[in-house]
């Protein structure tokens, strides 16, 4: 089991950067694949990026590829999402999630077992 808490969201101008963090508690963080998802008002939750348990494998949605970087520090029980060149279309609530049995490449929300509360990211024009 793991508990997840996101932080680092806020208001930023188009073209700016933000770094999101997800602090995890629990003994098994190092064994979980992790993912970032986002949900805009009136839309379904969508996959943003995933990472394998050891951090060696990453996978990105086409919409963020080349702009966002997912990483993790297992010694600190923390997951990160570096977001550069932000666009208004990136505005959403961002969630981190843990997958007990996955590889970090699953885009389906239902594949993930534990979720954080979300952090708001707003990108102005």
C-alpha atoms as a PDB file:
ATOM      1  CA  UNK A   1       0.000   0.000   0.000  1.00  0.00           C
ATOM      2  CA  UNK A   2       1.071   3.582  -0.607  1.00  0.00           C
ATOM      3  CA  UNK A   3      -0.268   7.076   0.068  1.00  0.00           C
ATOM      4  CA  UNK A   4       0.421   9.804  -2.496  1.00  0.00           C
ATOM      5  CA  UNK A   5       0.413  13.604  -2.123  1.00  0.00           C
ATOM      6  CA  UNK A   6       0.988  15.937  -5.081  1.00  0.00           C
ATOM      7  CA  UNK A   7       2.409  19.447  -4.845  1.00  0.00           C
ATOM      8  CA  UNK A   8       3.917  22.136  -7.066  1.00  0.00           C
ATOM      9  CA  UNK A   9       0.918  23.220  -9.097  1.00  0.00           C
ATOM     10  CA  UNK A  10       0.022  26.842  -9.683  1.00  0.00           C
ATOM     11  CA  UNK A  11      -0.571  29.593 -12.221  1.00  0.00           C
ATOM     12  CA  UNK A  12       2.013  30.124 -14.955  1.00  0.00           C
ATOM     13  CA  UNK A  13       2.121  32.009 -18.243  1.00  0.00           C
ATOM     14  CA  UNK A  14       2.234  30.243 -21.574  1.00  0.00           C
ATOM     15  CA  UNK A  15       5.799  29.123 -22.287  1.00  0.00           C
ATOM     16  CA  UNK A  16       6.695  28.855 -18.621  1.00  0.00           C
ATOM     17  CA  UNK A  17       7.693  25.882 -16.496  1.00  0.00           C
ATOM     18  CA  UNK A  18       6.517  24.056 -13.397  1.00  0.00           C
ATOM     19  CA  UNK A  19       7.821  21.053 -11.497  1.00  0.00           C
ATOM     20  CA  UNK A  20       5.282  18.800  -9.830  1.00  0.00           C
ATOM     21  CA  UNK A  21       6.200  16.472  -6.990  1.00  0.00           C
ATOM     22  CA  UNK A  22       4.433  13.421  -5.620  1.00  0.00           C
ATOM     23  CA  UNK A  23       5.486  12.354  -2.144  1.00  0.00           C
ATOM     24  CA  UNK A  24       4.810   8.704  -1.365  1.00  0.00           C
ATOM     25  CA  UNK A  25       4.530   6.884   1.922  1.00  0.00           C
ATOM     26  CA  UNK A  26       4.685   3.138   2.262  1.00  0.00           C
ATOM     27  CA  UNK A  27       7.271   0.413   2.118  1.00  0.00           C
ATOM     28  CA  UNK A  28       6.756  -0.716  -1.449  1.00  0.00           C
ATOM     29  CA  UNK A  29       7.176   2.534  -3.436  1.00  0.00           C
ATOM     30  CA  UNK A  30      10.323   1.187  -5.112  1.00  0.00           C
ATOM     31  CA  UNK A  31       8.398  -1.762  -6.525  1.00  0.00           C
ATOM     32  CA  UNK A  32       5.588   0.284  -8.126  1.00  0.00           C
ATOM     33  CA  UNK A  33       5.401   1.672 -11.606  1.00  0.00           C
ATOM     34  CA  UNK A  34       4.157   5.270 -11.416  1.00  0.00           C
ATOM     35  CA  UNK A  35       2.203   7.556 -13.681  1.00  0.00           C
ATOM     36  CA  UNK A  36       0.967  11.112 -14.054  1.00  0.00           C
ATOM     37  CA  UNK A  37      -2.561  11.789 -15.276  1.00  0.00           C
ATOM     38  CA  UNK A  38      -4.519  14.993 -15.802  1.00  0.00           C
ATOM     39  CA  UNK A  39      -8.162  15.967 -15.990  1.00  0.00           C
ATOM     40  CA  UNK A  40      -9.582  19.197 -17.396  1.00  0.00           C
ATOM     41  CA  UNK A  41     -13.123  20.400 -16.583  1.00  0.00           C
ATOM     42  CA  UNK A  42     -15.727  18.374 -18.457  1.00  0.00           C
ATOM     43  CA  UNK A  43     -13.163  15.917 -19.822  1.00  0.00           C
ATOM     44  CA  UNK A  44     -12.066  12.410 -18.935  1.00  0.00           C
ATOM     45  CA  UNK A  45      -8.877  11.716 -17.047  1.00  0.00           C
ATOM     46  CA  UNK A  46      -5.992  11.191 -19.473  1.00  0.00           C
ATOM     47  CA  UNK A  47      -2.541   9.668 -19.254  1.00  0.00           C
ATOM     48  CA  UNK A  48       0.408  12.065 -19.303  1.00  0.00           C
ATOM     49  CA  UNK A  49       3.551  10.058 -18.504  1.00  0.00           C
ATOM     50  CA  UNK A  50       4.649   6.801 -16.904  1.00  0.00           C
ATOM     51  CA  UNK A  51       7.836   5.431 -15.382  1.00  0.00           C
ATOM     52  CA  UNK A  52       9.027   1.963 -14.414  1.00  0.00           C
ATOM     53  CA  UNK A  53       9.728   1.031 -10.811  1.00  0.00           C
ATOM     54  CA  UNK A  54      13.476   1.549 -11.122  1.00  0.00           C
ATOM     55  CA  UNK A  55      13.178   4.677 -13.261  1.00  0.00           C
ATOM     56  CA  UNK A  56      14.879   3.190 -16.310  1.00  0.00           C
ATOM     57  CA  UNK A  57      11.824   3.137 -18.553  1.00  0.00           C
ATOM     58  CA  UNK A  58       9.606   6.117 -19.387  1.00  0.00           C
ATOM     59  CA  UNK A  59       6.608   6.661 -21.635  1.00  0.00           C
ATOM     60  CA  UNK A  60       4.844   9.871 -22.664  1.00  0.00           C
ATOM     61  CA  UNK A  61       1.590  10.918 -24.233  1.00  0.00           C
ATOM     62  CA  UNK A  62       2.101  12.481 -27.656  1.00  0.00           C
ATOM     63  CA  UNK A  63       0.692  15.786 -26.421  1.00  0.00           C
ATOM     64  CA  UNK A  64       3.543  16.285 -23.933  1.00  0.00           C
ATOM     65  CA  UNK A  65       6.440  14.448 -25.567  1.00  0.00           C
ATOM     66  CA  UNK A  66       9.537  16.638 -25.744  1.00  0.00           C
ATOM     67  CA  UNK A  67       8.159  19.125 -23.203  1.00  0.00           C
ATOM     68  CA  UNK A  68       7.573  17.070 -20.042  1.00  0.00           C
ATOM     69  CA  UNK A  69       9.980  14.789 -18.179  1.00  0.00           C
ATOM     70  CA  UNK A  70       8.957  12.190 -15.619  1.00  0.00           C
ATOM     71  CA  UNK A  71      11.504  11.017 -13.053  1.00  0.00           C
ATOM     72  CA  UNK A  72      11.678   9.449  -9.621  1.00  0.00           C
ATOM     73  CA  UNK A  73      13.999   9.367  -6.634  1.00  0.00           C
ATOM     74  CA  UNK A  74      13.338   6.100  -4.877  1.00  0.00           C
ATOM     75  CA  UNK A  75      15.678   7.009  -2.006  1.00  0.00           C
ATOM     76  CA  UNK A  76      13.344   9.952  -1.256  1.00  0.00           C
ATOM     77  CA  UNK A  77      10.084   8.151  -2.104  1.00  0.00           C
ATOM     78  CA  UNK A  78       9.262  10.928  -4.562  1.00  0.00           C
ATOM     79  CA  UNK A  79       7.966  11.126  -8.136  1.00  0.00           C
ATOM     80  CA  UNK A  80       8.453  14.240 -10.289  1.00  0.00           C
ATOM     81  CA  UNK A  81       7.042  15.795 -13.430  1.00  0.00           C
ATOM     82  CA  UNK A  82       9.079  18.603 -14.981  1.00  0.00           C
ATOM     83  CA  UNK A  83       6.827  20.600 -17.316  1.00  0.00           C
ATOM     84  CA  UNK A  84       8.428  23.014 -19.782  1.00  0.00           C
ATOM     85  CA  UNK A  85       7.018  25.112 -22.626  1.00  0.00           C
ATOM     86  CA  UNK A  86       3.598  25.012 -21.033  1.00  0.00           C
ATOM     87  CA  UNK A  87       0.523  25.710 -23.133  1.00  0.00           C
ATOM     88  CA  UNK A  88      -3.023  26.721 -22.154  1.00  0.00           C
ATOM     89  CA  UNK A  89      -4.111  23.231 -23.266  1.00  0.00           C
ATOM     90  CA  UNK A  90      -2.063  21.815 -20.368  1.00  0.00           C
ATOM     91  CA  UNK A  91      -4.441  23.400 -17.846  1.00  0.00           C
ATOM     92  CA  UNK A  92      -5.880  20.622 -15.682  1.00  0.00           C
ATOM     93  CA  UNK A  93      -5.769  18.953 -12.307  1.00  0.00           C
ATOM     94  CA  UNK A  94      -2.717  16.691 -12.291  1.00  0.00           C
ATOM     95  CA  UNK A  95      -2.703  13.394 -10.399  1.00  0.00           C
ATOM     96  CA  UNK A  96       0.029  10.918  -9.582  1.00  0.00           C
ATOM     97  CA  UNK A  97      -0.832   7.242  -9.440  1.00  0.00           C
ATOM     98  CA  UNK A  98       0.814   3.946  -8.513  1.00  0.00           C
ATOM     99  CA  UNK A  99       0.530   0.656 -10.389  1.00  0.00           C
ATOM    100  CA  UNK A 100       1.476  -2.360  -8.306  1.00  0.00           C
ATOM    101  CA  UNK A 101       1.837  -4.709 -11.259  1.00  0.00           C
ATOM    102  CA  UNK A 102       2.615  -2.506 -14.262  1.00  0.00           C
ATOM    103  CA  UNK A 103       5.684  -1.469 -16.204  1.00  0.00           C
ATOM    104  CA  UNK A 104       4.975   2.263 -16.499  1.00  0.00           C
ATOM    105  CA  UNK A 105       3.509   2.060 -20.001  1.00  0.00           C
ATOM    106  CA  UNK A 106      -0.192   1.551 -19.222  1.00  0.00           C
ATOM    107  CA  UNK A 107      -2.344   4.519 -20.278  1.00  0.00           C
ATOM    108  CA  UNK A 108      -5.542   3.228 -18.658  1.00  0.00           C
ATOM    109  CA  UNK A 109      -6.555   4.912 -15.377  1.00  0.00           C
ATOM    110  CA  UNK A 110      -8.177   1.667 -14.227  1.00  0.00           C
ATOM    111  CA  UNK A 111      -4.779  -0.045 -14.271  1.00  0.00           C
ATOM    112  CA  UNK A 112      -3.554   2.088 -11.367  1.00  0.00           C
ATOM    113  CA  UNK A 113      -4.255   1.133  -7.776  1.00  0.00           C
ATOM    114  CA  UNK A 114      -3.504   4.251  -5.709  1.00  0.00           C
ATOM    115  CA  UNK A 115      -4.068   7.944  -6.436  1.00  0.00           C
ATOM    116  CA  UNK A 116      -3.129  11.300  -4.984  1.00  0.00           C
ATOM    117  CA  UNK A 117      -5.606  14.126  -4.382  1.00  0.00           C
ATOM    118  CA  UNK A 118      -4.469  16.177  -7.371  1.00  0.00           C
ATOM    119  CA  UNK A 119      -2.836  19.571  -7.847  1.00  0.00           C
ATOM    120  CA  UNK A 120      -4.146  22.357 -10.094  1.00  0.00           C
ATOM    121  CA  UNK A 121      -2.044  23.604 -13.000  1.00  0.00           C
ATOM    122  CA  UNK A 122      -3.322  26.692 -14.826  1.00  0.00           C
ATOM    123  CA  UNK A 123      -1.545  28.092 -17.891  1.00  0.00           C
ATOM    124  CA  UNK A 124      -2.617  31.547 -19.043  1.00  0.00           C
ATOM    125  CA  UNK A 125      -2.444  32.811 -22.630  1.00  0.00           C
END
